[in-house]
Protein backbone atom coordinates (compact mmCIF):
# COMPACT_ATOMS: atom_id res chain seq x y z
CA UNK A 1 84.59 90.27 99.41
CA UNK A 2 83.38 93.48 98.11
CA UNK A 3 85.84 96.55 98.29
CA UNK A 4 85.61 99.90 98.26
CA UNK A 5 88.45 102.17 97.23
CA UNK A 6 88.38 106.21 97.36
CA UNK A 7 91.29 107.14 95.65
CA UNK A 8 92.67 110.89 96.13
CA UNK A 9 95.71 112.36 94.77
CA UNK A 10 98.01 114.11 97.58
CA UNK A 11 98.99 111.27 98.77
CA UNK A 12 99.67 109.25 95.97
CA UNK A 13 103.38 107.91 95.28
CA UNK A 14 105.64 110.47 93.86
CA UNK A 15 103.30 113.44 94.21
CA UNK A 16 104.86 116.32 96.17
CA UNK A 17 103.12 119.56 95.25
CA UNK A 18 100.52 121.43 93.07
CA UNK A 19 102.16 120.85 89.87
CA UNK A 20 100.98 117.31 89.87
CA UNK A 21 97.43 117.75 91.24
CA UNK A 22 96.16 120.95 89.18
CA UNK A 23 93.99 119.85 86.46
CA UNK A 24 94.21 123.33 85.08
CA UNK A 25 97.49 124.59 85.22
CA UNK A 26 99.85 121.77 86.66
CA UNK A 27 103.02 121.11 84.34
CA UNK A 28 103.23 117.58 86.30
CA UNK A 29 99.47 116.83 86.16
CA UNK A 30 99.51 113.96 83.42
CA UNK A 31 102.42 112.40 85.27
CA UNK A 32 100.25 112.92 88.37
CA UNK A 33 97.22 111.04 86.55
CA UNK A 34 99.75 107.95 85.88
CA UNK A 35 101.17 107.54 89.27
CA UNK A 36 97.47 108.16 90.90
CA UNK A 37 96.37 105.14 88.39
CA UNK A 38 99.57 103.34 89.14
CA UNK A 39 98.67 103.24 92.93
CA UNK A 40 95.40 102.33 92.49
CA UNK A 41 96.31 99.03 89.94
CA UNK A 42 98.52 98.01 92.79
CA UNK A 43 96.20 97.93 95.17
CA UNK A 44 93.63 96.35 92.92
CA UNK A 45 96.01 93.48 92.02
CA UNK A 46 96.44 92.94 95.71
CA UNK A 47 92.98 92.85 96.67
CA UNK A 48 92.38 90.53 93.70
CA UNK A 49 95.13 88.16 95.24
CA UNK A 50 93.63 88.50 98.94
CA UNK A 51 90.38 87.12 97.74
CA UNK A 52 88.34 90.41 96.47
CA UNK A 53 85.69 89.59 94.18
CA UNK A 54 83.92 93.16 93.40
CA UNK A 55 86.18 96.16 93.62
CA UNK A 56 84.68 99.85 93.19
CA UNK A 57 87.22 102.67 92.63
CA UNK A 58 85.91 106.32 93.48
CA UNK A 59 88.03 108.72 91.90
CA UNK A 60 88.14 111.20 94.57
CA UNK A 61 90.15 114.49 93.88
CA UNK A 62 88.89 117.76 92.48
CA UNK A 63 86.62 117.14 89.67
CA UNK A 64 87.02 113.70 90.24
CA UNK A 65 88.01 112.82 86.46
CA UNK A 66 92.02 112.10 87.24
CA UNK A 67 92.47 108.05 87.04
CA UNK A 68 93.20 106.97 83.53
CA UNK A 69 89.90 104.52 82.91
CA UNK A 70 91.72 102.97 79.85
CA UNK A 71 94.68 102.15 81.98
CA UNK A 72 92.79 100.74 85.23
CA UNK A 73 92.76 97.31 86.02
CA UNK A 74 90.01 95.54 83.90
CA UNK A 75 88.66 93.70 87.34
CA UNK A 76 88.00 96.91 88.86
CA UNK A 77 84.88 99.50 88.13
CA UNK A 78 85.45 103.27 88.29
CA UNK A 79 83.30 105.86 89.73
CA UNK A 80 84.31 109.17 88.04
CA UNK A 81 82.98 112.94 87.72
CA UNK A 82 81.14 115.47 89.83
CA UNK A 83 79.14 116.31 91.56
CA UNK A 84 78.25 113.46 93.88
CA UNK A 85 76.18 113.59 96.75
CA UNK A 86 78.70 112.02 98.78
CA UNK A 87 82.13 113.02 96.91
CA UNK A 88 84.73 110.82 98.13
CA UNK A 89 82.65 107.71 99.44
CA UNK A 90 79.99 108.14 97.03
CA UNK A 91 78.69 104.64 96.31
CA UNK A 92 79.76 103.32 99.60
CA UNK A 93 77.28 101.22 101.76
CA UNK A 94 76.53 98.32 104.13
CA UNK A 95 77.33 95.89 101.26
CA UNK A 96 80.84 96.50 101.46
CA UNK A 97 83.31 94.46 103.36
CA UNK A 98 86.25 96.84 103.63
CA UNK A 99 87.14 100.57 102.52
CA UNK A 100 90.80 101.38 101.56
CA UNK A 101 91.77 105.08 101.18
CA UNK A 102 94.44 105.41 98.80
CA UNK A 103 96.34 108.72 98.15
CA UNK A 104 95.31 110.45 101.36
CA UNK A 105 96.82 113.51 103.12
CA UNK A 106 96.65 115.07 106.54
CA UNK A 107 93.91 117.79 107.71
CA UNK A 108 94.33 121.50 107.67
CA UNK A 109 96.95 123.27 109.79
CA UNK A 110 98.98 120.15 110.48
CA UNK A 111 101.92 119.15 109.00
CA UNK A 112 101.91 116.79 105.78
CA UNK A 113 102.37 116.89 101.99
CA UNK A 114 99.79 118.90 100.65
CA UNK A 115 97.65 119.10 103.99
CA UNK A 116 94.21 120.52 103.85
CA UNK A 117 90.71 119.57 104.72
CA UNK A 118 88.32 119.18 101.47
CA UNK A 119 88.91 122.69 100.32
CA UNK A 120 90.82 126.00 101.42
CA UNK A 121 87.98 127.79 103.17
CA UNK A 122 88.10 125.15 105.99
CA UNK A 123 90.12 125.89 109.27
CA UNK A 124 88.73 123.08 111.36
CA UNK A 125 86.17 120.30 110.99
CA UNK A 126 84.45 118.58 113.91
CA UNK A 127 82.06 115.91 114.05
CA UNK A 128 80.55 115.32 117.46
CA UNK A 129 83.28 117.23 118.62
CA UNK A 130 86.02 115.33 117.04
CA UNK A 131 88.63 117.04 115.07
CA UNK A 132 88.99 115.33 111.48
CA UNK A 133 90.50 115.63 108.23
CA UNK A 134 89.06 114.00 105.17
CA UNK A 135 90.48 110.77 106.33
CA UNK A 136 88.41 111.03 109.56
CA UNK A 137 85.24 112.29 108.10
CA UNK A 138 84.98 109.59 105.27
CA UNK A 139 86.11 107.18 107.85
CA UNK A 140 83.10 108.29 110.22
CA UNK A 141 80.79 108.01 107.28
CA UNK A 142 81.96 104.62 106.39
CA UNK A 143 81.56 103.54 110.03
CA UNK A 144 77.48 104.74 110.03
CA UNK A 145 77.20 101.98 107.26
CA UNK A 146 79.36 99.51 109.34
CA UNK A 147 82.08 99.18 107.10
CA UNK A 148 85.66 99.42 108.21
CA UNK A 149 88.36 101.18 106.92
CA UNK A 150 91.41 98.94 106.85
CA UNK A 151 94.04 100.82 105.04
CA UNK A 152 95.38 104.19 104.15
CA UNK A 153 98.23 105.10 101.73
CA UNK A 154 99.99 108.57 101.65
CA UNK A 155 102.69 110.19 103.84
CA UNK A 156 104.01 108.89 107.30
CA UNK A 157 101.77 111.81 108.78
CA UNK A 158 98.62 110.60 107.58
CA UNK A 159 99.36 107.08 108.42
CA UNK A 160 99.94 108.71 112.12
CA UNK A 161 96.63 110.75 111.76
CA UNK A 162 94.54 107.61 110.63
CA UNK A 163 96.08 105.47 113.56
CA UNK A 164 94.83 107.55 116.31
CA UNK A 165 91.04 106.86 114.94
CA UNK A 166 91.56 103.57 113.54
CA UNK A 167 94.42 101.84 115.80
CA UNK A 168 95.01 98.61 113.77
CA UNK A 169 94.69 100.10 110.30
CA UNK A 170 97.15 99.19 107.76
CA UNK A 171 99.36 101.79 106.40
CA UNK A 172 101.14 102.08 103.23
CA UNK A 173 103.78 105.04 103.71
CA UNK A 174 104.86 105.74 100.19
CA UNK A 175 106.73 108.89 101.11
CA UNK A 176 107.89 110.95 104.33
CA UNK A 177 106.98 114.54 104.41
CA UNK A 178 109.80 117.06 104.39
CA UNK A 179 107.38 119.86 104.19
CA UNK A 180 104.13 120.65 102.83
CA UNK A 181 105.67 120.46 99.04
CA UNK A 182 108.51 118.26 99.70
CA UNK A 183 108.92 114.55 100.36
CA UNK A 184 111.12 111.90 100.71
CA UNK A 185 109.77 109.16 98.17
CA UNK A 186 109.87 105.62 97.79
CA UNK A 187 111.09 104.68 94.09
CA UNK A 188 108.00 103.63 91.73
CA UNK A 189 109.20 99.94 92.39
CA UNK A 190 109.10 100.22 96.24
CA UNK A 191 106.11 102.13 96.27
CA UNK A 192 103.94 99.34 94.31
CA UNK A 193 105.50 96.81 96.72
CA UNK A 194 104.34 98.35 99.78
CA UNK A 195 101.02 98.95 98.29
CA UNK A 196 100.39 95.69 97.64
CA UNK A 197 101.67 94.17 100.99
CA UNK A 198 99.95 96.61 103.32
CA UNK A 199 96.61 95.70 100.91
CA UNK A 200 96.92 92.29 101.66
CA UNK A 201 97.30 92.43 105.34
CA UNK A 202 94.62 94.77 105.56
CA UNK A 203 92.00 92.35 103.96
CA UNK A 204 93.34 89.56 106.17
CA UNK A 205 92.59 91.12 109.11
CA UNK A 206 89.37 93.09 107.82
CA UNK A 207 87.10 91.12 110.06
CA UNK A 208 88.95 92.23 113.05
CA UNK A 209 89.35 95.69 112.51
CA UNK A 210 85.96 97.56 113.89
CA UNK A 211 84.47 100.11 111.99
CA UNK A 212 84.32 103.74 113.62
CA UNK A 213 81.75 104.09 115.75
CA UNK A 214 79.98 107.82 116.23
CA UNK A 215 76.97 108.68 118.30
CA UNK A 216 73.85 109.78 116.15
CA UNK A 217 72.79 112.29 115.65
CA UNK A 218 75.78 114.04 114.06
CA UNK A 219 76.69 117.53 115.32
CA UNK A 220 78.93 118.80 112.30
CA UNK A 221 81.41 121.95 112.95
CA UNK A 222 82.91 123.80 110.20
CA UNK A 223 85.32 126.65 111.39
CA UNK A 224 85.86 128.94 108.33
CA UNK A 225 89.03 130.62 107.54
CA UNK A 226 87.09 134.16 107.60
CA UNK A 227 83.66 135.42 108.50
CA UNK A 228 82.64 136.16 105.24
CA UNK A 229 82.65 132.20 104.34
CA UNK A 230 80.82 131.66 107.98
CA UNK A 231 78.10 133.88 106.88
CA UNK A 232 77.67 132.42 103.42
CA UNK A 233 77.35 128.85 104.88
CA UNK A 234 75.13 129.90 107.66
CA UNK A 235 72.46 130.42 104.79
CA UNK A 236 71.89 126.59 104.94
CA UNK A 237 68.55 125.97 106.65
CA UNK A 238 68.91 124.44 110.09
CA UNK A 239 72.39 125.70 110.59
CA UNK A 240 73.64 127.65 113.68
CA UNK A 241 76.61 130.15 113.19
CA UNK A 242 79.02 130.97 116.27
CA UNK A 243 80.33 134.36 115.19
CA UNK A 244 82.97 134.19 118.11
CA UNK A 245 84.82 131.43 116.41
CA UNK A 246 83.71 131.51 112.83
CA UNK A 247 82.06 128.13 113.16
CA UNK A 248 78.90 126.93 111.61
CA UNK A 249 77.23 124.13 113.13
CA UNK A 250 74.58 121.62 111.82
CA UNK A 251 73.14 118.41 113.25
CA UNK A 252 72.44 115.71 110.63
CA UNK A 253 70.37 112.70 111.00
CA UNK A 254 71.90 110.13 108.64
CA UNK A 255 75.37 110.09 107.00
CA UNK A 256 74.01 111.22 103.62
CA UNK A 257 72.48 114.43 105.13
CA UNK A 258 75.84 114.95 106.70
CA UNK A 259 77.80 114.78 103.68
CA UNK A 260 75.52 116.97 101.24
CA UNK A 261 75.34 119.52 104.02
CA UNK A 262 79.02 119.57 104.26
CA UNK A 263 79.46 120.15 100.40
CA UNK A 264 76.55 122.85 100.23
CA UNK A 265 78.57 125.07 103.01
CA UNK A 266 81.64 124.61 101.16
CA UNK A 267 80.42 125.51 97.91
CA UNK A 268 78.46 128.74 99.34
CA UNK A 269 81.66 129.49 101.60
CA UNK A 270 83.71 129.44 98.26
CA UNK A 271 81.52 132.48 96.58
CA UNK A 272 82.79 134.80 99.76
CA UNK A 273 86.14 136.82 98.55
CA UNK A 274 88.33 137.73 100.96
CA UNK A 275 88.87 141.25 99.26
């Protein structure tokens, strides 16, 4: 069994605010890296026990150089560093039997610990009219390669968001959101046990969980936080700018094109200062 792990940071056990996830200024960042590595290892160990023979771990937060390579389980391979064309799911293709999204969070504009969608410039992100966050966007990408997303870990609200798209998904709830920067966290031991339990459950029923189905072509819509960002994103050839809503649309004909274009728009939009 070949397994893909996309590991973000905001939904990791014990992480509640920006001090744990900011590589440049986070006073708890080194602790956050250890927590992230611990969560990944718990999932890897359980996956091996469930029959996984090949595991690729994609570090999927910020600069994507957060997981402690020297402490990662020796049976897993690590994909680290940036840029990567398909960012959080780079390397995922139809050779994988299952994908697990670890340390994920809710989308922009809804409750949940450290909720956002890809970047602070995004207000809403849609694919073929479906509103998605990072979980949904990456699950759609996986589905286009016929790979089911069988588990998500994070807070109780990302679990709810994930079940709306993948009803049978296993959910490892390692904390309950109190506010965007506060959570009721399981202990380290309890979180590890829950991650292992849900990983084994997820892989035991992987063949019964259908990949997310999305019609082609893919119409991606990104509503930006302000018009300057939308104007910059609309530089991308083939895009369409809807000025009334501050949304830029783009039609992609394959998942790779969709992901690369989203990244290009975010990079361009990030150059537009509010003042």
